[in-house]
Amino acid sequence: MRVRDAGYLLVWIMHDYSQANLPGPGAVFVNDVISLTDLVHKYVYAPSGKQEGAIENIMVDPASGIVRFASIKVNRRMSILMPWAAMVFNKSKNGFVLTHRGEAIMRRRGSNQDATADPAIAPGTL
């Protein structure tokens, strides 16, 4: 019985202190959000670090407000539609890194079209 009481007291104390530092309901952390227009032209990298292209457009589900796809420009003539969940934002690269699923999509879609005519996108060419 003592351990149970002590555990209850510990939880109550932790709850009391942790609640003091939390924002109220509906609070928005400004540091955790970014404008969609700021994401356009961000580079997209393979897990190996190779630059694969740059975000050309972002598609949002209007009913839920959730980003679903990004169009990635891989050269002057080809863009690939990539599921948003197949990329992760990387702060140190200031761009996106493809997950293994994204890399497989890029490889599969890129092999279906002639992507050899143009080199990867150079900065400032979009």
C-alpha atoms as a PDB file:
ATOM      1  CA  MET A   1       0.000   0.000   0.000  1.00  0.00           C
ATOM      2  CA  ARG A   2       2.857   2.409   0.710  1.00  0.00           C
ATOM      3  CA  VAL A   3       4.415   1.971  -2.755  1.00  0.00           C
ATOM      4  CA  ARG A   4       1.076   2.658  -4.378  1.00  0.00           C
ATOM      5  CA  ASP A   5       0.618   5.836  -2.330  1.00  0.00           C
ATOM      6  CA  ALA A   6       4.152   6.984  -3.101  1.00  0.00           C
ATOM      7  CA  GLY A   7       3.592   6.332  -6.812  1.00  0.00           C
ATOM      8  CA  TYR A   8       0.387   8.335  -6.754  1.00  0.00           C
ATOM      9  CA  LEU A   9       2.146  11.221  -5.029  1.00  0.00           C
ATOM     10  CA  LEU A  10       5.002  11.129  -7.548  1.00  0.00           C
ATOM     11  CA  VAL A  11       2.571  11.181 -10.486  1.00  0.00           C
ATOM     12  CA  TRP A  12       0.637  14.043  -8.885  1.00  0.00           C
ATOM     13  CA  ILE A  13       3.812  16.094  -8.368  1.00  0.00           C
ATOM     14  CA  MET A  14       5.030  15.425 -11.924  1.00  0.00           C
ATOM     15  CA  HIS A  15       1.599  16.290 -13.296  1.00  0.00           C
ATOM     16  CA  ASP A  16       1.494  19.515 -11.301  1.00  0.00           C
ATOM     17  CA  TYR A  17       4.902  20.734 -12.509  1.00  0.00           C
ATOM     18  CA  SER A  18       4.533  19.605 -16.117  1.00  0.00           C
ATOM     19  CA  GLN A  19       1.188  21.359 -16.509  1.00  0.00           C
ATOM     20  CA  ALA A  20       2.676  24.680 -15.400  1.00  0.00           C
ATOM     21  CA  ASN A  21       4.945  24.813 -18.477  1.00  0.00           C
ATOM     22  CA  LEU A  22       2.434  23.780 -21.129  1.00  0.00           C
ATOM     23  CA  PRO A  23       0.610  26.272 -23.338  1.00  0.00           C
ATOM     24  CA  GLY A  24      -3.151  26.394 -23.354  1.00  0.00           C
ATOM     25  CA  PRO A  25      -5.368  24.454 -25.759  1.00  0.00           C
ATOM     26  CA  GLY A  26      -5.072  25.498 -29.385  1.00  0.00           C
ATOM     27  CA  ALA A  27      -1.654  27.099 -28.919  1.00  0.00           C
ATOM     28  CA  VAL A  28       0.562  27.183 -32.009  1.00  0.00           C
ATOM     29  CA  PHE A  29       4.316  26.818 -31.761  1.00  0.00           C
ATOM     30  CA  VAL A  30       5.531  29.340 -34.322  1.00  0.00           C
ATOM     31  CA  ASN A  31       8.979  27.726 -34.513  1.00  0.00           C
ATOM     32  CA  ASP A  32       7.395  24.429 -35.646  1.00  0.00           C
ATOM     33  CA  VAL A  33       5.501  25.774 -38.656  1.00  0.00           C
ATOM     34  CA  ILE A  34       6.612  27.051 -42.036  1.00  0.00           C
ATOM     35  CA  SER A  35       4.834  28.622 -44.963  1.00  0.00           C
ATOM     36  CA  LEU A  36       4.297  26.313 -47.936  1.00  0.00           C
ATOM     37  CA  THR A  37       5.758  28.967 -50.207  1.00  0.00           C
ATOM     38  CA  ASP A  38       9.003  28.743 -48.216  1.00  0.00           C
ATOM     39  CA  LEU A  39       9.208  25.019 -49.050  1.00  0.00           C
ATOM     40  CA  VAL A  40       8.990  25.498 -52.812  1.00  0.00           C
ATOM     41  CA  HIS A  41      12.471  25.296 -54.398  1.00  0.00           C
ATOM     42  CA  LYS A  42      13.910  23.441 -51.384  1.00  0.00           C
ATOM     43  CA  TYR A  43      16.264  20.717 -52.549  1.00  0.00           C
ATOM     44  CA  VAL A  44      15.437  17.032 -52.220  1.00  0.00           C
ATOM     45  CA  TYR A  45      18.241  14.591 -51.432  1.00  0.00           C
ATOM     46  CA  ALA A  46      18.593  10.805 -51.570  1.00  0.00           C
ATOM     47  CA  PRO A  47      19.569   9.116 -48.277  1.00  0.00           C
ATOM     48  CA  SER A  48      23.106   8.902 -49.710  1.00  0.00           C
ATOM     49  CA  GLY A  49      23.224  12.727 -49.842  1.00  0.00           C
ATOM     50  CA  LYS A  50      22.958  13.039 -53.640  1.00  0.00           C
ATOM     51  CA  GLN A  51      20.750  15.921 -54.755  1.00  0.00           C
ATOM     52  CA  GLU A  52      17.753  14.491 -56.627  1.00  0.00           C
ATOM     53  CA  GLY A  53      15.906  17.688 -57.519  1.00  0.00           C
ATOM     54  CA  ALA A  54      13.874  20.484 -55.956  1.00  0.00           C
ATOM     55  CA  ILE A  55      10.280  20.910 -54.844  1.00  0.00           C
ATOM     56  CA  GLU A  56       8.320  22.542 -57.623  1.00  0.00           C
ATOM     57  CA  ASN A  57       4.798  22.435 -56.176  1.00  0.00           C
ATOM     58  CA  ILE A  58       3.000  21.225 -53.048  1.00  0.00           C
ATOM     59  CA  MET A  59      -0.468  19.638 -53.024  1.00  0.00           C
ATOM     60  CA  VAL A  60      -2.707  19.957 -49.956  1.00  0.00           C
ATOM     61  CA  ASP A  61      -5.929  18.049 -49.239  1.00  0.00           C
ATOM     62  CA  PRO A  62      -8.378  20.957 -48.850  1.00  0.00           C
ATOM     63  CA  ALA A  63     -10.756  19.020 -46.586  1.00  0.00           C
ATOM     64  CA  SER A  64      -8.129  18.123 -43.984  1.00  0.00           C
ATOM     65  CA  GLY A  65      -5.424  20.717 -44.621  1.00  0.00           C
ATOM     66  CA  ILE A  66      -2.833  17.931 -44.782  1.00  0.00           C
ATOM     67  CA  VAL A  67      -0.013  18.082 -47.325  1.00  0.00           C
ATOM     68  CA  ARG A  68      -0.302  14.956 -49.502  1.00  0.00           C
ATOM     69  CA  PHE A  69       2.175  15.328 -52.389  1.00  0.00           C
ATOM     70  CA  ALA A  70       5.083  17.349 -53.672  1.00  0.00           C
ATOM     71  CA  SER A  71       6.062  17.693 -57.289  1.00  0.00           C
ATOM     72  CA  ILE A  72       9.833  17.304 -57.521  1.00  0.00           C
ATOM     73  CA  LYS A  73      11.558  18.806 -60.547  1.00  0.00           C
ATOM     74  CA  VAL A  74      14.414  16.472 -61.396  1.00  0.00           C
ATOM     75  CA  ASN A  75      15.487  18.155 -64.646  1.00  0.00           C
ATOM     76  CA  ARG A  76      14.156  20.690 -67.137  1.00  0.00           C
ATOM     77  CA  ARG A  77      11.721  18.221 -68.706  1.00  0.00           C
ATOM     78  CA  MET A  78      10.708  15.908 -65.879  1.00  0.00           C
ATOM     79  CA  SER A  79       8.908  16.222 -62.558  1.00  0.00           C
ATOM     80  CA  ILE A  80       7.985  13.381 -60.229  1.00  0.00           C
ATOM     81  CA  LEU A  81       4.946  13.367 -57.956  1.00  0.00           C
ATOM     82  CA  MET A  82       6.170  12.250 -54.531  1.00  0.00           C
ATOM     83  CA  PRO A  83       3.996  11.384 -51.518  1.00  0.00           C
ATOM     84  CA  TRP A  84       4.742  13.869 -48.741  1.00  0.00           C
ATOM     85  CA  ALA A  85       5.196  11.011 -46.285  1.00  0.00           C
ATOM     86  CA  ALA A  86       8.111   9.719 -48.406  1.00  0.00           C
ATOM     87  CA  MET A  87      10.272  12.728 -47.456  1.00  0.00           C
ATOM     88  CA  VAL A  88      11.603  14.126 -44.192  1.00  0.00           C
ATOM     89  CA  PHE A  89      12.731  17.712 -43.650  1.00  0.00           C
ATOM     90  CA  ASN A  90      16.369  17.917 -42.622  1.00  0.00           C
ATOM     91  CA  LYS A  91      17.327  21.153 -40.858  1.00  0.00           C
ATOM     92  CA  SER A  92      21.058  20.769 -41.446  1.00  0.00           C
ATOM     93  CA  LYS A  93      20.513  20.434 -45.221  1.00  0.00           C
ATOM     94  CA  ASN A  94      17.700  22.995 -45.210  1.00  0.00           C
ATOM     95  CA  GLY A  95      15.899  20.612 -47.532  1.00  0.00           C
ATOM     96  CA  PHE A  96      14.225  17.216 -47.711  1.00  0.00           C
ATOM     97  CA  VAL A  97      15.709  13.738 -47.579  1.00  0.00           C
ATOM     98  CA  LEU A  98      13.834  10.901 -49.227  1.00  0.00           C
ATOM     99  CA  THR A  99      12.907   7.904 -47.138  1.00  0.00           C
ATOM    100  CA  HIS A 100      13.697   4.479 -48.574  1.00  0.00           C
ATOM    101  CA  ARG A 101      10.152   4.427 -49.962  1.00  0.00           C
ATOM    102  CA  GLY A 102      10.732   7.818 -51.610  1.00  0.00           C
ATOM    103  CA  GLU A 103      14.018   6.656 -53.061  1.00  0.00           C
ATOM    104  CA  ALA A 104      12.297   3.600 -54.568  1.00  0.00           C
ATOM    105  CA  ILE A 105       9.574   5.812 -56.076  1.00  0.00           C
ATOM    106  CA  MET A 106      12.194   8.154 -57.530  1.00  0.00           C
ATOM    107  CA  ARG A 107      14.142   5.257 -59.031  1.00  0.00           C
ATOM    108  CA  ARG A 108      11.023   3.562 -60.456  1.00  0.00           C
ATOM    109  CA  ARG A 109       9.488   6.709 -61.968  1.00  0.00           C
ATOM    110  CA  GLY A 110      12.805   8.024 -63.189  1.00  0.00           C
ATOM    111  CA  SER A 111      13.562   4.796 -65.056  1.00  0.00           C
ATOM    112  CA  ASN A 112      10.225   5.006 -66.906  1.00  0.00           C
ATOM    113  CA  GLN A 113      11.227   8.275 -68.591  1.00  0.00           C
ATOM    114  CA  ASP A 114      14.375   9.504 -70.282  1.00  0.00           C
ATOM    115  CA  ALA A 115      16.099  11.465 -67.514  1.00  0.00           C
ATOM    116  CA  THR A 116      19.580  11.386 -69.011  1.00  0.00           C
ATOM    117  CA  ALA A 117      19.316  14.450 -71.275  1.00  0.00           C
ATOM    118  CA  ASP A 118      19.622  17.072 -68.535  1.00  0.00           C
ATOM    119  CA  PRO A 119      21.888  17.102 -65.477  1.00  0.00           C
ATOM    120  CA  ALA A 120      20.521  17.579 -61.973  1.00  0.00           C
ATOM    121  CA  ILE A 121      19.138  21.001 -61.242  1.00  0.00           C
ATOM    122  CA  ALA A 122      21.769  23.598 -60.478  1.00  0.00           C
ATOM    123  CA  PRO A 123      20.991  26.238 -57.825  1.00  0.00           C
ATOM    124  CA  GLY A 124      18.975  29.131 -59.218  1.00  0.00           C
ATOM    125  CA  THR A 125      17.768  27.368 -62.389  1.00  0.00           C
ATOM    126  CA  LEU A 126      14.164  26.773 -61.344  1.00  0.00           C
END
